[in-house]
Amino acid sequence: MTMTLVTCLLSLSAATAGAGTEPDPVPRPAAPPSWPHTRPLSPGISALLEEAREKSSIVAGLINELEKTDVVVYITDSLPSNLRAPTSYLVFLTRDAGTRYLLVRISQWRVSSRERIALLGHELQHALEVAAAGGVQDGAGLADLYGRIGWPGGRNQFESKAAQTTAYRIRKELARR
């Protein structure tokens, strides 16, 4: 009985949704993302990207540089609840058909809006470091890269001077606004 009711409701809603409209003769693709190599995974991150591009020429430049690479960066504000975890970090996800996929996580609640922009720039700089190192094809390659160009920042964590400098420059840029 319940399954029949659900099926009827679904059929009715589908029929009602199409009532009075002609089918589109040409299927239209979904609009491409504004920046195909920088992909937000939440409305909050979409807003952060827009704000960061507007307020920071440095972040805008990093996003534009990523568009010229084989790296796609997914960005989320979902972080583990561990308060000792970093407020942002980058991980290697996978590679496929000449594209390398990274994930950046940025805390939504533990830092200010201005600091989130600086963290975004910091992590995008890391993504560009990965893009410049074609040999980085997995997590082990990522660790190897930072063993060469950076230093360990904790268990399975690495840091680079370029990313730190980028965040510092963004903070200064935002303070002048």
C-alpha atoms as a PDB file:
ATOM      1  CA  MET A   1       0.000   0.000   0.000  1.00  0.00           C
ATOM      2  CA  THR A   2       2.718   2.474   0.992  1.00  0.00           C
ATOM      3  CA  MET A   3       4.837   1.592  -2.073  1.00  0.00           C
ATOM      4  CA  THR A   4       1.783   2.086  -4.326  1.00  0.00           C
ATOM      5  CA  LEU A   5       1.074   5.480  -2.760  1.00  0.00           C
ATOM      6  CA  VAL A   6       4.691   6.592  -3.201  1.00  0.00           C
ATOM      7  CA  THR A   7       4.702   5.401  -6.827  1.00  0.00           C
ATOM      8  CA  CYS A   8       1.434   7.252  -7.508  1.00  0.00           C
ATOM      9  CA  LEU A   9       2.720  10.450  -5.921  1.00  0.00           C
ATOM     10  CA  LEU A  10       5.957  10.286  -7.914  1.00  0.00           C
ATOM     11  CA  SER A  11       4.038   9.668 -11.150  1.00  0.00           C
ATOM     12  CA  LEU A  12       1.617  12.470 -10.384  1.00  0.00           C
ATOM     13  CA  SER A  13       4.386  14.943  -9.558  1.00  0.00           C
ATOM     14  CA  ALA A  14       6.288  14.021 -12.735  1.00  0.00           C
ATOM     15  CA  ALA A  15       3.153  14.459 -14.839  1.00  0.00           C
ATOM     16  CA  THR A  16       2.307  17.771 -13.172  1.00  0.00           C
ATOM     17  CA  ALA A  17       5.834  19.102 -13.598  1.00  0.00           C
ATOM     18  CA  GLY A  18       5.668  18.569 -17.357  1.00  0.00           C
ATOM     19  CA  ALA A  19       2.052  19.698 -17.814  1.00  0.00           C
ATOM     20  CA  GLY A  20       1.626  22.576 -20.225  1.00  0.00           C
ATOM     21  CA  THR A  21       5.272  22.696 -21.304  1.00  0.00           C
ATOM     22  CA  GLU A  22       6.844  21.510 -24.494  1.00  0.00           C
ATOM     23  CA  PRO A  23       9.972  19.400 -24.145  1.00  0.00           C
ATOM     24  CA  ASP A  24      13.153  21.283 -24.957  1.00  0.00           C
ATOM     25  CA  PRO A  25      14.188  20.041 -28.415  1.00  0.00           C
ATOM     26  CA  VAL A  26      17.869  20.751 -27.739  1.00  0.00           C
ATOM     27  CA  PRO A  27      19.234  19.450 -24.445  1.00  0.00           C
ATOM     28  CA  ARG A  28      21.309  22.129 -22.766  1.00  0.00           C
ATOM     29  CA  PRO A  29      24.399  21.283 -20.755  1.00  0.00           C
ATOM     30  CA  ALA A  30      24.733  22.565 -17.234  1.00  0.00           C
ATOM     31  CA  ALA A  31      26.631  25.821 -16.978  1.00  0.00           C
ATOM     32  CA  PRO A  32      30.356  25.164 -16.560  1.00  0.00           C
ATOM     33  CA  PRO A  33      31.952  26.275 -13.322  1.00  0.00           C
ATOM     34  CA  SER A  34      33.432  29.766 -13.327  1.00  0.00           C
ATOM     35  CA  TRP A  35      36.871  28.309 -12.722  1.00  0.00           C
ATOM     36  CA  PRO A  36      36.998  24.695 -13.912  1.00  0.00           C
ATOM     37  CA  HIS A  37      40.186  23.940 -11.983  1.00  0.00           C
ATOM     38  CA  THR A  38      38.901  25.396  -8.692  1.00  0.00           C
ATOM     39  CA  ARG A  39      35.712  23.627  -7.634  1.00  0.00           C
ATOM     40  CA  PRO A  40      33.808  24.596  -4.490  1.00  0.00           C
ATOM     41  CA  LEU A  41      31.931  21.808  -2.707  1.00  0.00           C
ATOM     42  CA  SER A  42      29.585  23.992  -0.667  1.00  0.00           C
ATOM     43  CA  PRO A  43      27.763  27.312  -0.927  1.00  0.00           C
ATOM     44  CA  GLY A  44      30.047  28.670   1.808  1.00  0.00           C
ATOM     45  CA  ILE A  45      33.143  27.884  -0.221  1.00  0.00           C
ATOM     46  CA  SER A  46      31.553  29.380  -3.359  1.00  0.00           C
ATOM     47  CA  ALA A  47      31.037  32.585  -1.400  1.00  0.00           C
ATOM     48  CA  LEU A  48      34.594  32.418  -0.036  1.00  0.00           C
ATOM     49  CA  LEU A  49      36.016  32.064  -3.564  1.00  0.00           C
ATOM     50  CA  GLU A  50      33.996  35.047  -4.805  1.00  0.00           C
ATOM     51  CA  GLU A  51      35.001  37.179  -1.819  1.00  0.00           C
ATOM     52  CA  ALA A  52      38.648  36.152  -2.087  1.00  0.00           C
ATOM     53  CA  ARG A  53      38.821  36.973  -5.820  1.00  0.00           C
ATOM     54  CA  GLU A  54      37.203  40.335  -5.151  1.00  0.00           C
ATOM     55  CA  LYS A  55      39.340  41.324  -2.164  1.00  0.00           C
ATOM     56  CA  SER A  56      42.693  39.753  -3.031  1.00  0.00           C
ATOM     57  CA  SER A  57      44.504  40.169  -6.323  1.00  0.00           C
ATOM     58  CA  ILE A  58      46.932  37.525  -5.051  1.00  0.00           C
ATOM     59  CA  VAL A  59      44.198  34.892  -4.668  1.00  0.00           C
ATOM     60  CA  ALA A  60      42.714  35.903  -8.033  1.00  0.00           C
ATOM     61  CA  GLY A  61      46.147  35.383  -9.597  1.00  0.00           C
ATOM     62  CA  LEU A  62      46.543  31.962  -7.970  1.00  0.00           C
ATOM     63  CA  ILE A  63      43.147  30.849  -9.276  1.00  0.00           C
ATOM     64  CA  ASN A  64      44.036  32.082 -12.761  1.00  0.00           C
ATOM     65  CA  GLU A  65      47.384  30.253 -12.654  1.00  0.00           C
ATOM     66  CA  LEU A  66      45.644  27.010 -11.661  1.00  0.00           C
ATOM     67  CA  GLU A  67      43.545  27.251 -14.823  1.00  0.00           C
ATOM     68  CA  LYS A  68      46.727  26.703 -16.850  1.00  0.00           C
ATOM     69  CA  THR A  69      47.607  23.427 -15.121  1.00  0.00           C
ATOM     70  CA  ASP A  70      46.592  19.771 -15.099  1.00  0.00           C
ATOM     71  CA  VAL A  71      45.442  20.098 -11.475  1.00  0.00           C
ATOM     72  CA  VAL A  72      41.829  20.355 -10.320  1.00  0.00           C
ATOM     73  CA  VAL A  73      41.287  21.507  -6.738  1.00  0.00           C
ATOM     74  CA  TYR A  74      38.092  20.652  -4.888  1.00  0.00           C
ATOM     75  CA  ILE A  75      37.564  22.931  -1.890  1.00  0.00           C
ATOM     76  CA  THR A  76      35.410  22.196   1.124  1.00  0.00           C
ATOM     77  CA  ASP A  77      34.725  23.737   4.499  1.00  0.00           C
ATOM     78  CA  SER A  78      34.042  20.326   5.988  1.00  0.00           C
ATOM     79  CA  LEU A  79      36.746  19.479   8.519  1.00  0.00           C
ATOM     80  CA  PRO A  80      37.071  16.738  11.103  1.00  0.00           C
ATOM     81  CA  SER A  81      35.854  17.877  14.516  1.00  0.00           C
ATOM     82  CA  ASN A  82      39.307  17.415  16.051  1.00  0.00           C
ATOM     83  CA  LEU A  83      40.264  20.857  17.355  1.00  0.00           C
ATOM     84  CA  ARG A  84      43.944  19.962  17.132  1.00  0.00           C
ATOM     85  CA  ALA A  85      43.650  19.391  13.375  1.00  0.00           C
ATOM     86  CA  PRO A  86      45.019  22.167  11.142  1.00  0.00           C
ATOM     87  CA  THR A  87      42.579  24.913  10.115  1.00  0.00           C
ATOM     88  CA  SER A  88      43.358  24.126   6.491  1.00  0.00           C
ATOM     89  CA  TYR A  89      45.195  21.497   4.505  1.00  0.00           C
ATOM     90  CA  LEU A  90      45.597  19.897   1.086  1.00  0.00           C
ATOM     91  CA  VAL A  91      45.506  16.199   0.189  1.00  0.00           C
ATOM     92  CA  PHE A  92      46.059  14.308  -3.042  1.00  0.00           C
ATOM     93  CA  LEU A  93      42.864  12.542  -4.147  1.00  0.00           C
ATOM     94  CA  THR A  94      43.549  10.755  -7.429  1.00  0.00           C
ATOM     95  CA  ARG A  95      44.639  11.123 -11.036  1.00  0.00           C
ATOM     96  CA  ASP A  96      42.769  10.274 -14.199  1.00  0.00           C
ATOM     97  CA  ALA A  97      43.464  10.791 -17.899  1.00  0.00           C
ATOM     98  CA  GLY A  98      46.134  13.425 -17.424  1.00  0.00           C
ATOM     99  CA  THR A  99      44.378  15.314 -14.619  1.00  0.00           C
ATOM    100  CA  ARG A 100      45.430  15.307 -10.977  1.00  0.00           C
ATOM    101  CA  TYR A 101      42.776  15.964  -8.338  1.00  0.00           C
ATOM    102  CA  LEU A 102      43.444  17.583  -4.981  1.00  0.00           C
ATOM    103  CA  LEU A 103      41.197  18.378  -2.031  1.00  0.00           C
ATOM    104  CA  VAL A 104      41.592  21.482   0.112  1.00  0.00           C
ATOM    105  CA  ARG A 105      39.815  21.711   3.446  1.00  0.00           C
ATOM    106  CA  ILE A 106      39.376  25.095   5.153  1.00  0.00           C
ATOM    107  CA  SER A 107      37.737  25.557   8.525  1.00  0.00           C
ATOM    108  CA  GLN A 108      34.444  27.380   8.403  1.00  0.00           C
ATOM    109  CA  TRP A 109      34.211  28.174  12.109  1.00  0.00           C
ATOM    110  CA  ARG A 110      37.661  28.296  13.688  1.00  0.00           C
ATOM    111  CA  VAL A 111      39.040  31.358  11.880  1.00  0.00           C
ATOM    112  CA  SER A 112      37.847  34.779  10.711  1.00  0.00           C
ATOM    113  CA  SER A 113      36.678  35.502   7.179  1.00  0.00           C
ATOM    114  CA  ARG A 114      39.891  37.385   6.443  1.00  0.00           C
ATOM    115  CA  GLU A 115      41.996  34.491   7.704  1.00  0.00           C
ATOM    116  CA  ARG A 116      39.993  32.042   5.581  1.00  0.00           C
ATOM    117  CA  ILE A 117      41.016  34.046   2.507  1.00  0.00           C
ATOM    118  CA  ALA A 118      44.663  33.859   3.573  1.00  0.00           C
ATOM    119  CA  LEU A 119      44.326  30.106   4.182  1.00  0.00           C
ATOM    120  CA  LEU A 120      42.703  29.664   0.779  1.00  0.00           C
ATOM    121  CA  GLY A 121      45.652  31.426  -0.847  1.00  0.00           C
ATOM    122  CA  HIS A 122      48.100  29.340   1.193  1.00  0.00           C
ATOM    123  CA  GLU A 123      46.501  26.090   0.026  1.00  0.00           C
ATOM    124  CA  LEU A 124      46.181  27.267  -3.595  1.00  0.00           C
ATOM    125  CA  GLN A 125      49.915  27.995  -3.514  1.00  0.00           C
ATOM    126  CA  HIS A 126      50.458  24.398  -2.411  1.00  0.00           C
ATOM    127  CA  ALA A 127      48.270  23.275  -5.328  1.00  0.00           C
ATOM    128  CA  LEU A 128      50.471  25.251  -7.720  1.00  0.00           C
ATOM    129  CA  GLU A 129      53.542  23.613  -6.181  1.00  0.00           C
ATOM    130  CA  VAL A 130      51.973  20.232  -6.939  1.00  0.00           C
ATOM    131  CA  ALA A 131      51.075  21.379 -10.457  1.00  0.00           C
ATOM    132  CA  ALA A 132      54.706  22.365 -11.081  1.00  0.00           C
ATOM    133  CA  ALA A 133      55.880  18.899  -9.998  1.00  0.00           C
ATOM    134  CA  GLY A 134      54.598  16.540 -12.685  1.00  0.00           C
ATOM    135  CA  GLY A 135      55.991  13.567 -10.788  1.00  0.00           C
ATOM    136  CA  VAL A 136      53.431  13.990  -8.015  1.00  0.00           C
ATOM    137  CA  GLN A 137      50.915  11.317  -8.979  1.00  0.00           C
ATOM    138  CA  ASP A 138      49.725  10.170  -5.544  1.00  0.00           C
ATOM    139  CA  GLY A 139      49.987  10.813  -1.811  1.00  0.00           C
ATOM    140  CA  ALA A 140      53.489   9.337  -1.620  1.00  0.00           C
ATOM    141  CA  GLY A 141      54.632  11.663  -4.404  1.00  0.00           C
ATOM    142  CA  LEU A 142      53.122  14.584  -2.514  1.00  0.00           C
ATOM    143  CA  ALA A 143      55.063  13.656   0.642  1.00  0.00           C
ATOM    144  CA  ASP A 144      58.224  13.264  -1.449  1.00  0.00           C
ATOM    145  CA  LEU A 145      57.709  16.717  -3.009  1.00  0.00           C
ATOM    146  CA  TYR A 146      57.438  18.393   0.386  1.00  0.00           C
ATOM    147  CA  GLY A 147      60.400  16.421   1.624  1.00  0.00           C
ATOM    148  CA  ARG A 148      62.368  18.219  -1.120  1.00  0.00           C
ATOM    149  CA  ILE A 149      60.839  21.723  -1.159  1.00  0.00           C
ATOM    150  CA  GLY A 150      59.497  22.033   2.361  1.00  0.00           C
ATOM    151  CA  TRP A 151      59.636  20.542   5.809  1.00  0.00           C
ATOM    152  CA  PRO A 152      57.470  18.386   8.045  1.00  0.00           C
ATOM    153  CA  GLY A 153      54.890  20.279  10.063  1.00  0.00           C
ATOM    154  CA  GLY A 154      53.608  17.336  12.092  1.00  0.00           C
ATOM    155  CA  ARG A 155      52.404  13.822  11.489  1.00  0.00           C
ATOM    156  CA  ASN A 156      51.656  13.536   7.755  1.00  0.00           C
ATOM    157  CA  GLN A 157      51.800  17.332   7.487  1.00  0.00           C
ATOM    158  CA  PHE A 158      54.206  19.407   5.438  1.00  0.00           C
ATOM    159  CA  GLU A 159      54.863  23.075   4.878  1.00  0.00           C
ATOM    160  CA  SER A 160      56.611  25.274   2.324  1.00  0.00           C
ATOM    161  CA  LYS A 161      58.126  28.731   2.443  1.00  0.00           C
ATOM    162  CA  ALA A 162      56.205  29.766  -0.683  1.00  0.00           C
ATOM    163  CA  ALA A 163      52.814  28.918   0.867  1.00  0.00           C
ATOM    164  CA  GLN A 164      53.688  30.693   4.116  1.00  0.00           C
ATOM    165  CA  THR A 165      54.864  33.755   2.190  1.00  0.00           C
ATOM    166  CA  THR A 166      51.697  33.752   0.088  1.00  0.00           C
ATOM    167  CA  ALA A 167      49.464  33.725   3.180  1.00  0.00           C
ATOM    168  CA  TYR A 168      51.543  36.527   4.737  1.00  0.00           C
ATOM    169  CA  ARG A 169      51.235  38.657   1.578  1.00  0.00           C
ATOM    170  CA  ILE A 170      47.471  38.092   1.434  1.00  0.00           C
ATOM    171  CA  ARG A 171      47.074  39.102   5.097  1.00  0.00           C
ATOM    172  CA  LYS A 172      48.973  42.326   4.380  1.00  0.00           C
ATOM    173  CA  GLU A 173      46.924  42.967   1.254  1.00  0.00           C
ATOM    174  CA  LEU A 174      43.650  42.500   3.159  1.00  0.00           C
ATOM    175  CA  ALA A 175      44.816  44.696   6.051  1.00  0.00           C
ATOM    176  CA  ARG A 176      45.385  47.584   3.620  1.00  0.00           C
ATOM    177  CA  ARG A 177      41.772  47.419   2.408  1.00  0.00           C
END
